[in-house]
Amino acid sequence: MKAMIMTGGVTNMEDLSFVQTDLAEKAAWDFIQHEGKGLEFATVNPVGVMGPILGNDYSHSNVIVRQMLEGKLKAVPKIYSDYVGVRDVAELHILAMIRPEASGGRSNCSHRQK
């Protein structure tokens, strides 16, 4: 194996998942530094990811939309969140694998549309 790409996430700083993602990424960078033996490494950190769902297991990004569509919410919550398309995240993964300048970098992907 020549390269490794890690997918993390950009989440709410008060959210426990932010801490978990941050710790996992730090551990991966530490592993590369001490044990990677020349392995190239990059991270892709998307915000909420939306796109076609291929199975019955919805990501946390899609759960709120599913609940609204199924009428499980009594009101539409006031949510401020950025989202990015799953195809864009996939393209960023490919670029991180084939572009030499991606090695050692972090790619945060987000798009806000008003």
Protein backbone atom coordinates (compact mmCIF):
# COMPACT_ATOMS: atom_id res chain seq x y z
CA MET A 1 0.00 0.00 0.00
CA LYS A 2 1.39 3.38 -1.01
CA ALA A 3 -1.20 5.82 0.35
CA MET A 4 -4.01 6.04 2.86
CA ILE A 5 -6.92 8.48 2.81
CA MET A 6 -8.93 9.02 6.00
CA THR A 7 -12.45 10.41 5.97
CA GLY A 8 -13.25 12.45 9.04
CA GLY A 9 -15.87 15.07 9.48
CA VAL A 10 -16.34 18.71 10.21
CA THR A 11 -18.95 18.87 12.93
CA ASN A 12 -20.30 21.08 15.67
CA MET A 13 -17.50 21.84 18.14
CA GLU A 14 -19.84 21.04 21.03
CA ASP A 15 -20.70 17.65 19.60
CA LEU A 16 -18.99 14.54 21.00
CA SER A 17 -18.48 13.25 17.45
CA PHE A 18 -16.14 16.20 16.85
CA VAL A 19 -13.93 15.02 19.71
CA GLN A 20 -13.96 11.44 18.46
CA THR A 21 -13.14 12.47 14.89
CA ASP A 22 -10.38 14.78 16.07
CA LEU A 23 -8.80 12.08 18.27
CA ALA A 24 -8.99 9.48 15.48
CA GLU A 25 -7.32 11.83 13.01
CA LYS A 26 -4.56 12.74 15.49
CA ALA A 27 -3.92 9.03 16.12
CA ALA A 28 -3.70 8.38 12.38
CA TRP A 29 -1.21 11.23 11.86
CA ASP A 30 0.83 9.92 14.80
CA PHE A 31 0.84 6.42 13.29
CA ILE A 32 2.03 7.76 9.92
CA GLN A 33 4.79 9.77 11.57
CA HIS A 34 6.13 6.93 13.70
CA GLU A 35 5.22 3.73 11.85
CA GLY A 36 4.15 4.77 8.36
CA LYS A 37 7.46 3.86 6.70
CA GLY A 38 6.94 6.25 3.77
CA LEU A 39 3.19 5.74 3.53
CA GLU A 40 1.46 8.80 2.06
CA PHE A 41 -1.49 10.05 4.09
CA ALA A 42 -4.22 12.66 3.63
CA THR A 43 -7.56 13.38 5.25
CA VAL A 44 -10.89 14.37 3.71
CA ASN A 45 -13.20 16.12 6.17
CA PRO A 46 -16.70 16.77 4.83
CA VAL A 47 -19.55 18.49 6.64
CA GLY A 48 -22.98 16.83 6.38
CA VAL A 49 -23.01 14.62 3.29
CA MET A 50 -26.15 14.34 1.18
CA GLY A 51 -26.80 12.20 -1.85
CA PRO A 52 -28.22 8.92 -3.06
CA ILE A 53 -28.67 6.37 -0.28
CA LEU A 54 -27.63 2.88 -1.30
CA GLY A 55 -28.95 0.89 1.63
CA ASN A 56 -31.17 0.94 4.70
CA ASP A 57 -28.52 2.45 6.96
CA TYR A 58 -28.91 6.24 6.83
CA SER A 59 -26.03 8.46 7.85
CA HIS A 60 -26.66 11.00 10.58
CA SER A 61 -26.65 13.67 7.86
CA ASN A 62 -29.70 12.10 6.23
CA VAL A 63 -31.68 11.05 9.31
CA ILE A 64 -33.29 14.45 9.89
CA VAL A 65 -34.49 14.59 6.27
CA ARG A 66 -35.87 11.06 6.54
CA GLN A 67 -37.71 11.92 9.76
CA MET A 68 -39.27 15.00 8.12
CA LEU A 69 -40.38 12.99 5.08
CA GLU A 70 -41.92 10.28 7.27
CA GLY A 71 -43.82 12.84 9.36
CA LYS A 72 -41.96 11.90 12.56
CA LEU A 73 -41.19 15.52 13.42
CA LYS A 74 -43.95 17.74 14.80
CA ALA A 75 -42.27 20.84 13.38
CA VAL A 76 -39.40 21.65 11.10
CA PRO A 77 -36.40 22.27 13.33
CA LYS A 78 -34.35 25.43 12.97
CA ILE A 79 -31.11 23.90 11.74
CA TYR A 80 -28.05 25.71 10.53
CA SER A 81 -25.77 23.24 8.83
CA ASP A 82 -23.57 23.03 5.80
CA TYR A 83 -23.92 20.12 3.42
CA VAL A 84 -21.86 18.76 0.58
CA GLY A 85 -22.83 16.30 -2.15
CA VAL A 86 -21.64 12.71 -1.80
CA ARG A 87 -20.34 12.77 -5.38
CA ASP A 88 -18.19 15.80 -4.55
CA VAL A 89 -16.75 13.99 -1.52
CA ALA A 90 -16.02 10.94 -3.71
CA GLU A 91 -14.24 13.16 -6.25
CA LEU A 92 -12.16 14.72 -3.47
CA HIS A 93 -11.12 11.22 -2.33
CA ILE A 94 -9.97 10.38 -5.86
CA LEU A 95 -8.01 13.63 -6.12
CA ALA A 96 -6.41 12.95 -2.73
CA MET A 97 -5.25 9.56 -4.04
CA ILE A 98 -3.86 10.68 -7.40
CA ARG A 99 -2.46 14.14 -6.69
CA PRO A 100 1.01 14.07 -5.10
CA GLU A 101 0.46 17.47 -3.49
CA ALA A 102 -2.42 16.04 -1.44
CA SER A 103 -0.04 13.88 0.60
CA GLY A 104 0.28 15.21 4.12
CA GLY A 105 -2.73 17.48 3.73
CA ARG A 106 -6.21 17.98 5.09
CA SER A 107 -9.12 18.70 2.75
CA ASN A 108 -12.18 20.22 4.40
CA CYS A 109 -15.18 20.21 2.10
CA SER A 110 -18.24 22.34 2.63
CA HIS A 111 -20.73 24.33 0.64
CA ARG A 112 -23.28 26.77 1.95
CA GLN A 113 -26.13 27.78 -0.31
CA LYS A 114 -28.56 30.51 0.75
